[in-house]
Amino acid sequence: MKSFKSARLGIWIALLLEVLLLTFFTSTFGGEHVFESTFLNWSNISQVIRAVSFIAIMTVGQAVVIITAGIDLGVGSVLGLCGVVAAVLLNNNFDITSAVIISLLVGIASGLSSGLLITKAKLPPFIATLAMMSIARGLAFAITGGETIRNLPLRFLELGQGEILSIPIPIYVMAAFALIVGYVLKSTKWGRYAYAIGGNEEAAVYSGVNVQLVKILVYSLCGFSAALAGVLFTSRFGVGQSTAGLGYELDVIAAAVIGGVSLSGGRGTILGAVIGSVLMGILRNGLVLLNVSVYWQQVAIGLVIVLAVVLDRKTRT
């Protein structure tokens, strides 16, 4: 427990150091402005938190899966699938509410399918969700024919591009979703069941926990989170693309682990998962501002993932 608390404190220290370092390395001193940072200004910060919101929403869903000692590799593909579903429906004169609801249902169905493959077909989570990753991406390409879906309604675009009190709407959605899921995990029996399954699944079974039902619900929630992120992602960029969310599963898993969610299950918080998402988002933004090649950005992200897993193993006891 002591090591877990130290790890949580380390997240906040890492976030502070990251902000300070990027502020320093992207700053100019002297001249017309005595001090000016391309990182620490509201225009950049607004773009960062808007981009982080998509990853954070998926990380919240992924965190719950990992807490049960599972994994969902399909979140990036489900984001892309649900985004193009919304775009295609809107292009076929569906109203915004119906298009969004259907897209969310597609996400839930994807997660439900993964949960059933894991609980009923007894497939390992890695294999089941790897299959879903391929299926969802293939469906996204099949629906669009590889074409970009454009001409989306302006009211729909406001979901991802609009602001309330100068704060992007996706941030409100992310905060509300994180608070709800965090409350369920911390204060309800379903949350206790999730931690119990991740800590010791066999003991949870003997304690009367319906492990299969909890796992199905957890993967369905993860599918919902990917769909929600997909709708907001499509709204933000104004197009439906079958390649949307490509590779996001790595960022999401890394963000969860960096945020203190143990890959061995049974440990982690939603707040930590969100902070991990912020760390990843700031890192990507900082590398861009520092003109680091996109290839070296991938190397940096890979090293962060390795470091996160090593720290997870070190703090497991």
C-alpha atoms as a PDB file:
ATOM      1  CA  MET A   1       0.000   0.000   0.000  1.00  0.00           C
ATOM      2  CA  LYS A   2       2.875   2.340   0.837  1.00  0.00           C
ATOM      3  CA  SER A   3       4.463   1.786  -2.568  1.00  0.00           C
ATOM      4  CA  PHE A   4       1.093   2.431  -4.238  1.00  0.00           C
ATOM      5  CA  LYS A   5       0.761   5.771  -2.461  1.00  0.00           C
ATOM      6  CA  SER A   6       4.318   6.646  -3.488  1.00  0.00           C
ATOM      7  CA  ALA A   7       3.475   5.798  -7.083  1.00  0.00           C
ATOM      8  CA  ARG A   8       0.426   8.079  -7.000  1.00  0.00           C
ATOM      9  CA  LEU A   9       2.557  10.909  -5.603  1.00  0.00           C
ATOM     10  CA  GLY A  10       5.095  10.207  -8.332  1.00  0.00           C
ATOM     11  CA  ILE A  11       2.432  10.823 -11.006  1.00  0.00           C
ATOM     12  CA  TRP A  12       1.859  14.358  -9.760  1.00  0.00           C
ATOM     13  CA  ILE A  13       5.587  15.030  -9.462  1.00  0.00           C
ATOM     14  CA  ALA A  14       6.149  13.739 -13.015  1.00  0.00           C
ATOM     15  CA  LEU A  15       3.344  15.957 -14.319  1.00  0.00           C
ATOM     16  CA  LEU A  16       4.798  19.017 -12.597  1.00  0.00           C
ATOM     17  CA  LEU A  17       8.308  18.311 -13.888  1.00  0.00           C
ATOM     18  CA  GLU A  18       7.018  17.743 -17.414  1.00  0.00           C
ATOM     19  CA  VAL A  19       5.193  21.085 -17.415  1.00  0.00           C
ATOM     20  CA  LEU A  20       8.198  22.940 -15.977  1.00  0.00           C
ATOM     21  CA  LEU A  21      10.661  21.413 -18.445  1.00  0.00           C
ATOM     22  CA  LEU A  22       8.474  22.069 -21.485  1.00  0.00           C
ATOM     23  CA  THR A  23       7.791  25.605 -20.311  1.00  0.00           C
ATOM     24  CA  PHE A  24      11.529  26.212 -20.065  1.00  0.00           C
ATOM     25  CA  PHE A  25      12.559  24.564 -23.350  1.00  0.00           C
ATOM     26  CA  THR A  26       9.803  26.283 -25.370  1.00  0.00           C
ATOM     27  CA  SER A  27      10.425  29.734 -23.889  1.00  0.00           C
ATOM     28  CA  THR A  28      12.136  32.808 -25.267  1.00  0.00           C
ATOM     29  CA  PHE A  29      13.797  35.326 -22.987  1.00  0.00           C
ATOM     30  CA  GLY A  30      14.468  38.988 -23.657  1.00  0.00           C
ATOM     31  CA  GLY A  31      13.468  41.014 -26.709  1.00  0.00           C
ATOM     32  CA  GLU A  32      10.013  42.559 -26.935  1.00  0.00           C
ATOM     33  CA  HIS A  33       8.623  40.018 -24.459  1.00  0.00           C
ATOM     34  CA  VAL A  34      10.766  39.359 -21.415  1.00  0.00           C
ATOM     35  CA  PHE A  35       9.326  35.844 -21.149  1.00  0.00           C
ATOM     36  CA  GLU A  36       7.162  33.948 -23.598  1.00  0.00           C
ATOM     37  CA  SER A  37       6.472  30.213 -23.810  1.00  0.00           C
ATOM     38  CA  THR A  38       4.905  28.515 -26.817  1.00  0.00           C
ATOM     39  CA  PHE A  39       3.830  25.704 -24.492  1.00  0.00           C
ATOM     40  CA  LEU A  40       2.453  27.640 -21.547  1.00  0.00           C
ATOM     41  CA  ASN A  41      -0.115  29.812 -23.302  1.00  0.00           C
ATOM     42  CA  TRP A  42      -3.881  29.370 -23.345  1.00  0.00           C
ATOM     43  CA  SER A  43      -4.128  28.739 -27.082  1.00  0.00           C
ATOM     44  CA  ASN A  44      -1.766  25.762 -26.868  1.00  0.00           C
ATOM     45  CA  ILE A  45      -3.105  24.510 -23.534  1.00  0.00           C
ATOM     46  CA  SER A  46      -6.647  24.586 -24.937  1.00  0.00           C
ATOM     47  CA  GLN A  47      -5.600  22.450 -27.893  1.00  0.00           C
ATOM     48  CA  VAL A  48      -3.753  20.032 -25.616  1.00  0.00           C
ATOM     49  CA  ILE A  49      -6.643  19.457 -23.228  1.00  0.00           C
ATOM     50  CA  ARG A  50      -9.080  19.089 -26.127  1.00  0.00           C
ATOM     51  CA  ALA A  51      -6.843  16.420 -27.682  1.00  0.00           C
ATOM     52  CA  VAL A  52      -6.277  14.767 -24.307  1.00  0.00           C
ATOM     53  CA  SER A  53     -10.023  14.447 -23.725  1.00  0.00           C
ATOM     54  CA  PHE A  54     -10.393  11.759 -26.418  1.00  0.00           C
ATOM     55  CA  ILE A  55      -7.562   9.656 -24.979  1.00  0.00           C
ATOM     56  CA  ALA A  56      -8.731  10.265 -21.397  1.00  0.00           C
ATOM     57  CA  ILE A  57     -12.278   9.081 -22.110  1.00  0.00           C
ATOM     58  CA  MET A  58     -10.947   5.819 -23.560  1.00  0.00           C
ATOM     59  CA  THR A  59      -8.402   5.490 -20.759  1.00  0.00           C
ATOM     60  CA  VAL A  60     -11.189   5.619 -18.176  1.00  0.00           C
ATOM     61  CA  GLY A  61     -12.880   2.656 -19.862  1.00  0.00           C
ATOM     62  CA  GLN A  62      -9.584   0.839 -20.349  1.00  0.00           C
ATOM     63  CA  ALA A  63      -8.634   1.396 -16.704  1.00  0.00           C
ATOM     64  CA  VAL A  64     -11.703  -0.494 -15.501  1.00  0.00           C
ATOM     65  CA  VAL A  65     -10.837  -3.395 -17.817  1.00  0.00           C
ATOM     66  CA  ILE A  66      -7.238  -3.506 -16.602  1.00  0.00           C
ATOM     67  CA  ILE A  67      -8.387  -3.374 -12.968  1.00  0.00           C
ATOM     68  CA  THR A  68     -10.147  -6.705 -13.631  1.00  0.00           C
ATOM     69  CA  ALA A  69      -6.798  -8.024 -14.957  1.00  0.00           C
ATOM     70  CA  GLY A  70      -7.984  -7.759 -18.566  1.00  0.00           C
ATOM     71  CA  ILE A  71      -6.928  -5.740 -21.600  1.00  0.00           C
ATOM     72  CA  ASP A  72      -8.773  -4.233 -24.557  1.00  0.00           C
ATOM     73  CA  LEU A  73      -6.709  -3.764 -27.705  1.00  0.00           C
ATOM     74  CA  GLY A  74      -9.715  -2.772 -29.808  1.00  0.00           C
ATOM     75  CA  VAL A  75     -10.417   0.723 -28.474  1.00  0.00           C
ATOM     76  CA  GLY A  76      -8.666   2.607 -31.281  1.00  0.00           C
ATOM     77  CA  SER A  77     -10.457   0.635 -33.986  1.00  0.00           C
ATOM     78  CA  VAL A  78     -13.822   0.954 -32.218  1.00  0.00           C
ATOM     79  CA  LEU A  79     -13.261   4.721 -32.069  1.00  0.00           C
ATOM     80  CA  GLY A  80     -12.749   4.741 -35.841  1.00  0.00           C
ATOM     81  CA  LEU A  81     -15.750   2.493 -36.502  1.00  0.00           C
ATOM     82  CA  CYS A  82     -18.162   4.483 -34.333  1.00  0.00           C
ATOM     83  CA  GLY A  83     -16.911   7.757 -35.782  1.00  0.00           C
ATOM     84  CA  VAL A  84     -17.618   6.684 -39.357  1.00  0.00           C
ATOM     85  CA  VAL A  85     -20.984   5.203 -38.337  1.00  0.00           C
ATOM     86  CA  ALA A  86     -22.014   8.604 -36.985  1.00  0.00           C
ATOM     87  CA  ALA A  87     -20.702  10.380 -40.096  1.00  0.00           C
ATOM     88  CA  VAL A  88     -22.456   8.015 -42.523  1.00  0.00           C
ATOM     89  CA  LEU A  89     -25.755   8.251 -40.657  1.00  0.00           C
ATOM     90  CA  LEU A  90     -25.603  12.052 -40.601  1.00  0.00           C
ATOM     91  CA  ASN A  91     -24.872  12.067 -44.338  1.00  0.00           C
ATOM     92  CA  ASN A  92     -27.988   9.925 -44.796  1.00  0.00           C
ATOM     93  CA  ASN A  93     -30.221  12.502 -43.090  1.00  0.00           C
ATOM     94  CA  PHE A  94     -30.396  10.913 -39.640  1.00  0.00           C
ATOM     95  CA  ASP A  95     -30.900  13.482 -36.890  1.00  0.00           C
ATOM     96  CA  ILE A  96     -27.921  14.131 -34.613  1.00  0.00           C
ATOM     97  CA  THR A  97     -29.405  12.446 -31.543  1.00  0.00           C
ATOM     98  CA  SER A  98     -30.207   9.223 -33.405  1.00  0.00           C
ATOM     99  CA  ALA A  99     -26.800   9.124 -35.098  1.00  0.00           C
ATOM    100  CA  VAL A 100     -24.986   9.586 -31.788  1.00  0.00           C
ATOM    101  CA  ILE A 101     -27.100   6.990 -29.953  1.00  0.00           C
ATOM    102  CA  ILE A 102     -26.627   4.395 -32.711  1.00  0.00           C
ATOM    103  CA  SER A 103     -22.870   5.031 -32.706  1.00  0.00           C
ATOM    104  CA  LEU A 104     -22.728   4.551 -28.934  1.00  0.00           C
ATOM    105  CA  LEU A 105     -24.725   1.339 -29.260  1.00  0.00           C
ATOM    106  CA  VAL A 106     -22.237   0.079 -31.862  1.00  0.00           C
ATOM    107  CA  GLY A 107     -19.452   0.718 -29.353  1.00  0.00           C
ATOM    108  CA  ILE A 108     -21.317  -1.093 -26.590  1.00  0.00           C
ATOM    109  CA  ALA A 109     -21.984  -4.011 -28.960  1.00  0.00           C
ATOM    110  CA  SER A 110     -18.262  -4.192 -29.781  1.00  0.00           C
ATOM    111  CA  GLY A 111     -17.317  -4.308 -26.104  1.00  0.00           C
ATOM    112  CA  LEU A 112     -20.108  -6.776 -25.384  1.00  0.00           C
ATOM    113  CA  SER A 113     -18.817  -9.055 -28.147  1.00  0.00           C
ATOM    114  CA  SER A 114     -15.318  -8.984 -26.655  1.00  0.00           C
ATOM    115  CA  GLY A 115     -16.744  -9.727 -23.217  1.00  0.00           C
ATOM    116  CA  LEU A 116     -18.717 -12.705 -24.526  1.00  0.00           C
ATOM    117  CA  LEU A 117     -15.691 -14.089 -26.362  1.00  0.00           C
ATOM    118  CA  ILE A 118     -13.704 -13.881 -23.136  1.00  0.00           C
ATOM    119  CA  THR A 119     -16.336 -15.259 -20.763  1.00  0.00           C
ATOM    120  CA  LYS A 120     -18.244 -17.729 -22.942  1.00  0.00           C
ATOM    121  CA  ALA A 121     -15.703 -18.817 -25.557  1.00  0.00           C
ATOM    122  CA  LYS A 122     -12.930 -18.678 -22.918  1.00  0.00           C
ATOM    123  CA  LEU A 123     -10.577 -16.746 -25.192  1.00  0.00           C
ATOM    124  CA  PRO A 124      -7.739 -14.799 -23.538  1.00  0.00           C
ATOM    125  CA  PRO A 125      -8.521 -11.043 -23.452  1.00  0.00           C
ATOM    126  CA  PHE A 126      -5.503 -10.349 -25.673  1.00  0.00           C
ATOM    127  CA  ILE A 127      -6.776 -12.654 -28.437  1.00  0.00           C
ATOM    128  CA  ALA A 128     -10.441 -11.650 -28.177  1.00  0.00           C
ATOM    129  CA  THR A 129      -9.773  -7.925 -28.316  1.00  0.00           C
ATOM    130  CA  LEU A 130      -7.076  -8.300 -30.969  1.00  0.00           C
ATOM    131  CA  ALA A 131      -9.746  -9.940 -33.111  1.00  0.00           C
ATOM    132  CA  MET A 132     -12.167  -7.115 -32.333  1.00  0.00           C
ATOM    133  CA  MET A 133      -9.488  -4.605 -33.296  1.00  0.00           C
ATOM    134  CA  SER A 134      -9.236  -6.191 -36.739  1.00  0.00           C
ATOM    135  CA  ILE A 135     -13.005  -6.618 -37.142  1.00  0.00           C
ATOM    136  CA  ALA A 136     -13.839  -3.034 -36.156  1.00  0.00           C
ATOM    137  CA  ARG A 137     -11.159  -1.553 -38.419  1.00  0.00           C
ATOM    138  CA  GLY A 138     -12.271  -3.740 -41.299  1.00  0.00           C
ATOM    139  CA  LEU A 139     -15.899  -2.693 -40.829  1.00  0.00           C
ATOM    140  CA  ALA A 140     -14.850   0.966 -40.769  1.00  0.00           C
ATOM    141  CA  PHE A 141     -13.116   0.554 -44.135  1.00  0.00           C
ATOM    142  CA  ALA A 142     -16.024  -1.470 -45.538  1.00  0.00           C
ATOM    143  CA  ILE A 143     -18.601   1.156 -44.531  1.00  0.00           C
ATOM    144  CA  THR A 144     -16.668   4.060 -46.030  1.00  0.00           C
ATOM    145  CA  GLY A 145     -14.969   2.240 -48.905  1.00  0.00           C
ATOM    146  CA  GLY A 146     -11.807   3.911 -47.657  1.00  0.00           C
ATOM    147  CA  GLU A 147     -13.259   7.354 -48.430  1.00  0.00           C
ATOM    148  CA  THR A 148     -13.406  10.319 -46.048  1.00  0.00           C
ATOM    149  CA  ILE A 149     -16.959  11.288 -45.038  1.00  0.00           C
ATOM    150  CA  ARG A 150     -17.440  15.068 -45.141  1.00  0.00           C
ATOM    151  CA  ASN A 151     -20.207  17.700 -45.000  1.00  0.00           C
ATOM    152  CA  LEU A 152     -21.322  17.002 -41.446  1.00  0.00           C
ATOM    153  CA  PRO A 153     -23.974  19.267 -39.831  1.00  0.00           C
ATOM    154  CA  LEU A 154     -22.698  22.355 -38.048  1.00  0.00           C
ATOM    155  CA  ARG A 155     -24.656  21.505 -34.908  1.00  0.00           C
ATOM    156  CA  PHE A 156     -22.896  18.166 -34.728  1.00  0.00           C
ATOM    157  CA  LEU A 157     -19.493  19.846 -35.155  1.00  0.00           C
ATOM    158  CA  GLU A 158     -20.223  22.005 -32.109  1.00  0.00           C
ATOM    159  CA  LEU A 159     -19.914  18.914 -29.904  1.00  0.00           C
ATOM    160  CA  GLY A 160     -16.202  18.631 -30.598  1.00  0.00           C
ATOM    161  CA  GLN A 161     -15.332  22.194 -31.587  1.00  0.00           C
ATOM    162  CA  GLY A 162     -17.540  24.252 -29.281  1.00  0.00           C
ATOM    163  CA  GLU A 163     -16.662  25.788 -25.936  1.00  0.00           C
ATOM    164  CA  ILE A 164     -18.518  26.730 -22.774  1.00  0.00           C
ATOM    165  CA  LEU A 165     -16.880  29.468 -20.689  1.00  0.00           C
ATOM    166  CA  SER A 166     -13.766  29.129 -22.904  1.00  0.00           C
ATOM    167  CA  ILE A 167     -13.429  25.436 -21.980  1.00  0.00           C
ATOM    168  CA  PRO A 168     -13.829  22.886 -24.811  1.00  0.00           C
ATOM    169  CA  ILE A 169     -17.027  20.826 -24.600  1.00  0.00           C
ATOM    170  CA  PRO A 170     -15.131  17.479 -24.802  1.00  0.00           C
ATOM    171  CA  ILE A 171     -13.475  18.366 -21.487  1.00  0.00           C
ATOM    172  CA  TYR A 172     -16.878  18.594 -19.793  1.00  0.00           C
ATOM    173  CA  VAL A 173     -17.863  15.248 -21.308  1.00  0.00           C
ATOM    174  CA  MET A 174     -14.616  13.641 -20.188  1.00  0.00           C
ATOM    175  CA  ALA A 175     -14.911  15.063 -16.653  1.00  0.00           C
ATOM    176  CA  ALA A 176     -18.519  13.906 -16.282  1.00  0.00           C
ATOM    177  CA  PHE A 177     -17.706  10.420 -17.582  1.00  0.00           C
ATOM    178  CA  ALA A 178     -14.647  10.096 -15.327  1.00  0.00           C
ATOM    179  CA  LEU A 179     -16.586  11.249 -12.261  1.00  0.00           C
ATOM    180  CA  ILE A 180     -19.418   8.782 -12.888  1.00  0.00           C
ATOM    181  CA  VAL A 181     -17.114   5.815 -13.499  1.00  0.00           C
ATOM    182  CA  GLY A 182     -14.900   6.838 -10.582  1.00  0.00           C
ATOM    183  CA  TYR A 183     -17.925   6.927  -8.273  1.00  0.00           C
ATOM    184  CA  VAL A 184     -19.119   3.509  -9.460  1.00  0.00           C
ATOM    185  CA  LEU A 185     -15.669   1.989  -8.876  1.00  0.00           C
ATOM    186  CA  LYS A 186     -15.212   3.532  -5.456  1.00  0.00           C
ATOM    187  CA  SER A 187     -18.687   3.501  -3.962  1.00  0.00           C
ATOM    188  CA  THR A 188     -20.738   0.623  -5.419  1.00  0.00           C
ATOM    189  CA  LYS A 189     -20.631  -3.147  -5.147  1.00  0.00           C
ATOM    190  CA  TRP A 190     -19.875  -3.408  -8.885  1.00  0.00           C
ATOM    191  CA  GLY A 191     -16.720  -1.409  -8.347  1.00  0.00           C
ATOM    192  CA  ARG A 192     -15.694  -3.640  -5.458  1.00  0.00           C
ATOM    193  CA  TYR A 193     -16.382  -6.673  -7.617  1.00  0.00           C
ATOM    194  CA  ALA A 194     -14.090  -5.310 -10.356  1.00  0.00           C
ATOM    195  CA  TYR A 195     -11.217  -4.867  -7.896  1.00  0.00           C
ATOM    196  CA  ALA A 196     -11.906  -8.282  -6.365  1.00  0.00           C
ATOM    197  CA  ILE A 197     -11.764 -10.001  -9.760  1.00  0.00           C
ATOM    198  CA  GLY A 198      -8.485  -8.306 -10.603  1.00  0.00           C
ATOM    199  CA  GLY A 199      -7.004  -9.110  -7.215  1.00  0.00           C
ATOM    200  CA  ASN A 200      -7.955 -12.784  -7.158  1.00  0.00           C
ATOM    201  CA  GLU A 201     -10.557 -14.057  -9.603  1.00  0.00           C
ATOM    202  CA  GLU A 202     -10.856 -17.484  -7.992  1.00  0.00           C
ATOM    203  CA  ALA A 203     -11.475 -15.966  -4.579  1.00  0.00           C
ATOM    204  CA  ALA A 204     -14.072 -13.636  -6.110  1.00  0.00           C
ATOM    205  CA  VAL A 205     -15.916 -16.655  -7.556  1.00  0.00           C
ATOM    206  CA  TYR A 206     -15.988 -18.386  -4.163  1.00  0.00           C
ATOM    207  CA  SER A 207     -17.244 -15.150  -2.619  1.00  0.00           C
ATOM    208  CA  GLY A 208     -20.327 -15.290  -4.834  1.00  0.00           C
ATOM    209  CA  VAL A 209     -19.313 -12.673  -7.396  1.00  0.00           C
ATOM    210  CA  ASN A 210     -20.817 -13.207 -10.853  1.00  0.00           C
ATOM    211  CA  VAL A 211     -17.454 -12.858 -12.567  1.00  0.00           C
ATOM    212  CA  GLN A 212     -18.727 -13.430 -16.080  1.00  0.00           C
ATOM    213  CA  LEU A 213     -21.420 -10.743 -15.815  1.00  0.00           C
ATOM    214  CA  VAL A 214     -19.001  -8.208 -14.339  1.00  0.00           C
ATOM    215  CA  LYS A 215     -16.476  -8.841 -17.114  1.00  0.00           C
ATOM    216  CA  ILE A 216     -19.143  -8.472 -19.805  1.00  0.00           C
ATOM    217  CA  LEU A 217     -20.270  -5.172 -18.266  1.00  0.00           C
ATOM    218  CA  VAL A 218     -16.678  -3.950 -17.969  1.00  0.00           C
ATOM    219  CA  TYR A 219     -15.842  -4.634 -21.630  1.00  0.00           C
ATOM    220  CA  SER A 220     -19.167  -3.101 -22.697  1.00  0.00           C
ATOM    221  CA  LEU A 221     -18.247   0.031 -20.735  1.00  0.00           C
ATOM    222  CA  CYS A 222     -14.873   0.122 -22.480  1.00  0.00           C
ATOM    223  CA  GLY A 223     -16.625  -0.155 -25.856  1.00  0.00           C
ATOM    224  CA  PHE A 224     -18.938   2.687 -24.857  1.00  0.00           C
ATOM    225  CA  SER A 225     -15.970   4.862 -23.900  1.00  0.00           C
ATOM    226  CA  ALA A 226     -14.333   4.242 -27.294  1.00  0.00           C
ATOM    227  CA  ALA A 227     -17.601   5.088 -29.058  1.00  0.00           C
ATOM    228  CA  LEU A 228     -18.028   8.283 -27.038  1.00  0.00           C
ATOM    229  CA  ALA A 229     -14.478   9.317 -27.918  1.00  0.00           C
ATOM    230  CA  GLY A 230     -15.162   8.408 -31.564  1.00  0.00           C
ATOM    231  CA  VAL A 231     -18.215  10.654 -31.782  1.00  0.00           C
ATOM    232  CA  LEU A 232     -16.341  13.586 -30.237  1.00  0.00           C
ATOM    233  CA  PHE A 233     -13.270  12.900 -32.411  1.00  0.00           C
ATOM    234  CA  THR A 234     -15.368  12.969 -35.589  1.00  0.00           C
ATOM    235  CA  SER A 235     -17.118  16.119 -34.424  1.00  0.00           C
ATOM    236  CA  ARG A 236     -13.798  17.784 -33.599  1.00  0.00           C
ATOM    237  CA  PHE A 237     -12.205  17.173 -37.009  1.00  0.00           C
ATOM    238  CA  GLY A 238     -15.407  17.435 -39.033  1.00  0.00           C
ATOM    239  CA  VAL A 239     -14.876  14.224 -41.010  1.00  0.00           C
ATOM    240  CA  GLY A 240     -15.416  10.508 -40.645  1.00  0.00           C
ATOM    241  CA  GLN A 241     -12.242   8.542 -41.390  1.00  0.00           C
ATOM    242  CA  SER A 242     -11.757   4.801 -41.274  1.00  0.00           C
ATOM    243  CA  THR A 243      -8.169   5.356 -40.069  1.00  0.00           C
ATOM    244  CA  ALA A 244      -9.230   7.462 -37.069  1.00  0.00           C
ATOM    245  CA  GLY A 245      -7.807   6.223 -33.782  1.00  0.00           C
ATOM    246  CA  LEU A 246      -5.090   4.131 -35.449  1.00  0.00           C
ATOM    247  CA  GLY A 247      -2.578   3.170 -32.767  1.00  0.00           C
ATOM    248  CA  TYR A 248      -4.532   4.849 -29.969  1.00  0.00           C
ATOM    249  CA  GLU A 249      -4.767   1.581 -28.039  1.00  0.00           C
ATOM    250  CA  LEU A 250      -1.082   1.905 -27.139  1.00  0.00           C
ATOM    251  CA  ASP A 251      -1.496   5.459 -25.851  1.00  0.00           C
ATOM    252  CA  VAL A 252      -4.557   4.452 -23.854  1.00  0.00           C
ATOM    253  CA  ILE A 253      -2.928   1.443 -22.201  1.00  0.00           C
ATOM    254  CA  ALA A 254       0.236   3.438 -21.499  1.00  0.00           C
ATOM    255  CA  ALA A 255      -1.777   6.308 -20.003  1.00  0.00           C
ATOM    256  CA  ALA A 256      -3.626   3.912 -17.696  1.00  0.00           C
ATOM    257  CA  VAL A 257      -0.423   2.236 -16.509  1.00  0.00           C
ATOM    258  CA  ILE A 258       1.402   5.551 -16.078  1.00  0.00           C
ATOM    259  CA  GLY A 259      -1.594   6.656 -14.015  1.00  0.00           C
ATOM    260  CA  GLY A 260      -1.064   3.815 -11.553  1.00  0.00           C
ATOM    261  CA  VAL A 261      -3.429   1.158 -12.918  1.00  0.00           C
ATOM    262  CA  SER A 262      -1.623  -2.146 -12.441  1.00  0.00           C
ATOM    263  CA  LEU A 263      -1.446  -4.509 -15.408  1.00  0.00           C
ATOM    264  CA  SER A 264      -1.716  -7.384 -12.936  1.00  0.00           C
ATOM    265  CA  GLY A 265      -5.174  -6.126 -11.947  1.00  0.00           C
ATOM    266  CA  GLY A 266      -6.847  -5.177  -8.688  1.00  0.00           C
ATOM    267  CA  ARG A 267      -5.283  -1.734  -8.349  1.00  0.00           C
ATOM    268  CA  GLY A 268      -5.706   1.752  -9.781  1.00  0.00           C
ATOM    269  CA  THR A 269      -7.948   4.803  -9.786  1.00  0.00           C
ATOM    270  CA  ILE A 270      -9.820   6.775 -12.418  1.00  0.00           C
ATOM    271  CA  LEU A 271      -8.133  10.009 -11.309  1.00  0.00           C
ATOM    272  CA  GLY A 272      -4.756   8.387 -11.870  1.00  0.00           C
ATOM    273  CA  ALA A 273      -5.845   7.199 -15.320  1.00  0.00           C
ATOM    274  CA  VAL A 274      -6.887  10.735 -16.276  1.00  0.00           C
ATOM    275  CA  ILE A 275      -3.593  12.180 -15.013  1.00  0.00           C
ATOM    276  CA  GLY A 276      -1.758   9.538 -17.022  1.00  0.00           C
ATOM    277  CA  SER A 277      -3.663  10.681 -20.113  1.00  0.00           C
ATOM    278  CA  VAL A 278      -2.655  14.277 -19.433  1.00  0.00           C
ATOM    279  CA  LEU A 279       0.983  13.222 -19.115  1.00  0.00           C
ATOM    280  CA  MET A 280       0.849  11.424 -22.461  1.00  0.00           C
ATOM    281  CA  GLY A 281      -0.929  14.346 -24.146  1.00  0.00           C
ATOM    282  CA  ILE A 282       1.544  16.906 -22.850  1.00  0.00           C
ATOM    283  CA  LEU A 283       4.456  14.695 -23.908  1.00  0.00           C
ATOM    284  CA  ARG A 284       3.151  14.458 -27.491  1.00  0.00           C
ATOM    285  CA  ASN A 285       2.491  18.193 -27.623  1.00  0.00           C
ATOM    286  CA  GLY A 286       5.914  19.001 -26.208  1.00  0.00           C
ATOM    287  CA  LEU A 287       7.692  16.810 -28.750  1.00  0.00           C
ATOM    288  CA  VAL A 288       5.849  18.615 -31.554  1.00  0.00           C
ATOM    289  CA  LEU A 289       6.711  22.056 -30.149  1.00  0.00           C
ATOM    290  CA  LEU A 290      10.353  21.005 -29.871  1.00  0.00           C
ATOM    291  CA  ASN A 291      10.279  19.970 -33.565  1.00  0.00           C
ATOM    292  CA  VAL A 292      11.100  16.353 -32.777  1.00  0.00           C
ATOM    293  CA  SER A 293      10.683  14.110 -35.811  1.00  0.00           C
ATOM    294  CA  VAL A 294       7.493  12.030 -35.849  1.00  0.00           C
ATOM    295  CA  TYR A 295       9.674   8.908 -35.980  1.00  0.00           C
ATOM    296  CA  TRP A 296      11.513   9.856 -32.810  1.00  0.00           C
ATOM    297  CA  GLN A 297       8.173  10.718 -31.222  1.00  0.00           C
ATOM    298  CA  GLN A 298       7.173   7.077 -31.646  1.00  0.00           C
ATOM    299  CA  VAL A 299      10.466   6.020 -30.078  1.00  0.00           C
ATOM    300  CA  ALA A 300       9.817   8.311 -27.114  1.00  0.00           C
ATOM    301  CA  ILE A 301       6.293   6.984 -26.629  1.00  0.00           C
ATOM    302  CA  GLY A 302       7.601   3.416 -26.786  1.00  0.00           C
ATOM    303  CA  LEU A 303      10.211   4.167 -24.127  1.00  0.00           C
ATOM    304  CA  VAL A 304       7.531   5.718 -21.915  1.00  0.00           C
ATOM    305  CA  ILE A 305       5.433   2.544 -22.238  1.00  0.00           C
ATOM    306  CA  VAL A 306       8.424   0.387 -21.246  1.00  0.00           C
ATOM    307  CA  LEU A 307       9.158   2.665 -18.287  1.00  0.00           C
ATOM    308  CA  ALA A 308       5.509   2.549 -17.196  1.00  0.00           C
ATOM    309  CA  VAL A 309       5.467  -1.262 -17.221  1.00  0.00           C
ATOM    310  CA  VAL A 310       8.752  -1.446 -15.307  1.00  0.00           C
ATOM    311  CA  LEU A 311       7.422   0.954 -12.666  1.00  0.00           C
ATOM    312  CA  ASP A 312       4.208  -1.050 -12.454  1.00  0.00           C
ATOM    313  CA  ARG A 313       6.206  -4.184 -11.658  1.00  0.00           C
ATOM    314  CA  LYS A 314       8.369  -2.340  -9.138  1.00  0.00           C
ATOM    315  CA  THR A 315       5.368  -0.930  -7.245  1.00  0.00           C
ATOM    316  CA  ARG A 316       3.252  -4.098  -7.417  1.00  0.00           C
ATOM    317  CA  THR A 317       4.322  -5.102  -3.931  1.00  0.00           C
END
